[in-house]
Structures are given as C-alpha cells and as structure tokens.
Amino acid sequence: MIVDASVGVEIVRKTPLGQRAIQLLDDDLHAPDIFLAEVFHVLKRMTVLKQITSRDAKISAALVGQMPLTFLTVSNYQSQLWDEATKVSSYDAHYVVLAKSLGQPMITLDEKLMRRKDLGVEFVVVR
C-alpha cells in the first residue's frame, strides 16, 4: 500500500482520523522519498499557524521515523512522473506513479485526488 503524506501527518499527530487510517493499513507499506519532506512541511506550517507547539511538532516528526514504511525513489520513472504531473500536482504524481508501478492501492485523505478515476489507482478511503 502506498501511504500519502496526508495520512502520515494524521498518524504521527495521533488524531482520531490517523487512528482510523492505521486500521486500514496492510503489512506492505511504501512511500516516495518526498514523504518525509511533505510531512515535515505540514508540521512546520502547523507550528507557524500556532495549531501545535514546536515541541509537539518535534515529537510528531520523530514518530515519522518509526513508521514501518519502505521509502522508494521515483527517479527510474521520470517519464511516467511527468505524465502524471500533467494531471495532478507534482507531489501527488510521486505517489500515483508508485501506486501504478507497484500495482498497489494508495491511502490518502486528499478527497480531490480520490475522485480522480482517470488515474488508474485504487484509493483506500479513511472515514
């Protein structure tokens, strides 16, 4: 299963949504190597907006390293990455390319992305 950064943030923040997402994860979890940067970016933004303290962000950031994810690069998929980036954001394209290349579903909280039936990706819905 490909894990999107939106799910990662909720998991490390230990939110109710993150707890529900954990129940849906399988034993074979992957994410593109930009996952860390995306999660850290969101945590940093949350501190700037004073939604969480710097201490809480640091604790959450440390938990990212404990997630049982295999981080993969998409450098071998440059052509596919560009093709997908014409349909979705460049960041989302990394996740879509991995999902398609590995033939695995993707778990995300991005409702706009999940509505994209033309991507050829199965999405796991967290409710």
Protein backbone atom coordinates (compact mmCIF):
# COMPACT_ATOMS: atom_id res chain seq x y z
CA MET A 1 0.00 0.00 0.00
CA ILE A 2 1.22 3.50 -0.84
CA VAL A 3 0.88 5.90 2.11
CA ASP A 4 0.25 9.56 1.31
CA ALA A 5 1.76 12.29 3.49
CA SER A 6 -1.73 13.48 4.49
CA VAL A 7 -2.25 10.13 6.21
CA GLY A 8 1.25 10.21 7.69
CA VAL A 9 0.59 13.55 9.36
CA GLU A 10 -2.61 12.30 10.97
CA ILE A 11 -0.90 9.12 12.17
CA VAL A 12 2.07 10.88 13.80
CA ARG A 13 -0.24 13.50 15.29
CA LYS A 14 -2.25 10.61 16.78
CA THR A 15 -5.55 12.10 15.69
CA PRO A 16 -8.80 10.10 15.55
CA LEU A 17 -8.52 10.16 11.75
CA GLY A 18 -4.98 8.84 11.99
CA GLN A 19 -6.11 6.05 14.29
CA ARG A 20 -8.80 5.04 11.79
CA ALA A 21 -6.20 5.10 9.00
CA ILE A 22 -3.94 2.75 10.97
CA GLN A 23 -6.74 0.17 11.00
CA LEU A 24 -6.78 0.19 7.18
CA LEU A 25 -3.04 -0.22 6.61
CA ASP A 26 -1.64 -3.51 5.39
CA ASP A 27 1.77 -5.04 6.14
CA ASP A 28 3.49 -3.85 2.95
CA LEU A 29 3.73 -0.06 3.21
CA HIS A 30 5.58 2.21 0.79
CA ALA A 31 6.01 5.93 0.24
CA PRO A 32 8.06 8.05 -2.14
CA ASP A 33 11.15 9.63 -0.65
CA ILE A 34 9.42 13.05 -0.67
CA PHE A 35 7.10 11.76 2.08
CA LEU A 36 9.41 12.98 4.86
CA ALA A 37 9.73 16.46 3.40
CA GLU A 38 5.98 16.74 2.95
CA VAL A 39 5.16 15.60 6.49
CA PHE A 40 7.81 17.89 7.98
CA HIS A 41 6.49 20.80 5.89
CA VAL A 42 2.97 20.31 7.25
CA LEU A 43 4.21 20.03 10.83
CA LYS A 44 6.28 23.20 10.41
CA ARG A 45 3.29 25.04 8.94
CA MET A 46 1.14 23.90 11.85
CA THR A 47 3.64 25.44 14.29
CA VAL A 48 3.74 28.71 12.34
CA LEU A 49 -0.06 28.84 12.41
CA LYS A 50 0.08 28.01 16.13
CA GLN A 51 -2.06 24.92 15.64
CA ILE A 52 0.54 22.87 17.52
CA THR A 53 3.56 23.72 19.64
CA SER A 54 7.10 23.38 18.40
CA ARG A 55 7.58 20.64 20.99
CA ASP A 56 4.58 18.68 19.68
CA ALA A 57 5.84 19.08 16.12
CA LYS A 58 9.26 17.74 17.12
CA ILE A 59 7.67 14.73 18.83
CA SER A 60 5.50 14.06 15.77
CA ALA A 61 8.49 14.43 13.45
CA ALA A 62 10.39 11.83 15.48
CA LEU A 63 7.47 9.42 15.12
CA VAL A 64 7.74 9.58 11.32
CA GLY A 65 10.97 7.59 11.58
CA GLN A 66 9.14 4.86 13.47
CA MET A 67 6.55 4.33 10.77
CA PRO A 68 7.03 0.92 9.09
CA LEU A 69 7.44 2.39 5.62
CA THR A 70 9.76 1.45 2.81
CA PHE A 71 10.84 4.68 1.13
CA LEU A 72 11.28 4.45 -2.62
CA THR A 73 12.64 6.83 -5.22
CA VAL A 74 10.80 7.53 -8.44
CA SER A 75 13.99 8.51 -10.27
CA ASN A 76 13.61 5.49 -12.55
CA TYR A 77 10.12 6.64 -13.53
CA GLN A 78 10.87 10.12 -14.91
CA SER A 79 8.67 9.74 -17.99
CA GLN A 80 5.71 8.41 -16.02
CA LEU A 81 6.24 11.06 -13.35
CA TRP A 82 5.98 13.83 -15.91
CA ASP A 83 2.87 12.27 -17.46
CA GLU A 84 1.14 12.06 -14.09
CA ALA A 85 2.26 15.58 -13.14
CA THR A 86 0.24 16.89 -16.07
CA LYS A 87 -2.88 15.50 -14.33
CA VAL A 88 -2.19 16.12 -10.64
CA SER A 89 0.34 18.08 -8.57
CA SER A 90 3.98 17.15 -8.96
CA TYR A 91 3.96 15.93 -5.37
CA ASP A 92 0.87 13.75 -5.85
CA ALA A 93 2.40 12.39 -9.05
CA HIS A 94 5.13 10.70 -6.97
CA TYR A 95 2.52 8.71 -5.05
CA VAL A 96 0.45 7.92 -8.15
CA VAL A 97 3.50 6.64 -10.05
CA LEU A 98 4.46 4.35 -7.19
CA ALA A 99 0.91 3.03 -6.82
CA LYS A 100 0.69 2.27 -10.52
CA SER A 101 4.21 0.85 -10.81
CA LEU A 102 3.82 -1.43 -7.80
CA GLY A 103 0.18 -2.26 -8.52
CA GLN A 104 -0.79 -1.24 -5.00
CA PRO A 105 -3.63 0.84 -3.59
CA MET A 106 -2.97 4.30 -2.18
CA ILE A 107 -4.28 5.58 1.13
CA THR A 108 -4.82 9.34 1.20
CA LEU A 109 -7.04 11.95 2.78
CA ASP A 110 -7.00 14.09 -0.35
CA GLU A 111 -10.62 13.89 -1.49
CA LYS A 112 -9.93 15.72 -4.74
CA LEU A 113 -7.27 13.16 -5.62
CA MET A 114 -9.52 10.24 -4.66
CA ARG A 115 -12.19 11.47 -7.07
CA ARG A 116 -9.77 11.14 -10.00
CA LYS A 117 -10.97 7.94 -11.66
CA ASP A 118 -8.73 8.58 -14.68
CA LEU A 119 -5.52 7.91 -12.76
CA GLY A 120 -5.83 4.14 -12.73
CA VAL A 121 -5.19 3.97 -8.99
CA GLU A 122 -7.27 2.24 -6.33
CA PHE A 123 -7.75 4.51 -3.32
CA VAL A 124 -8.33 3.40 0.25
CA VAL A 125 -10.88 5.69 1.89
CA VAL A 126 -10.45 6.70 5.53
CA ARG A 127 -13.76 7.57 7.18
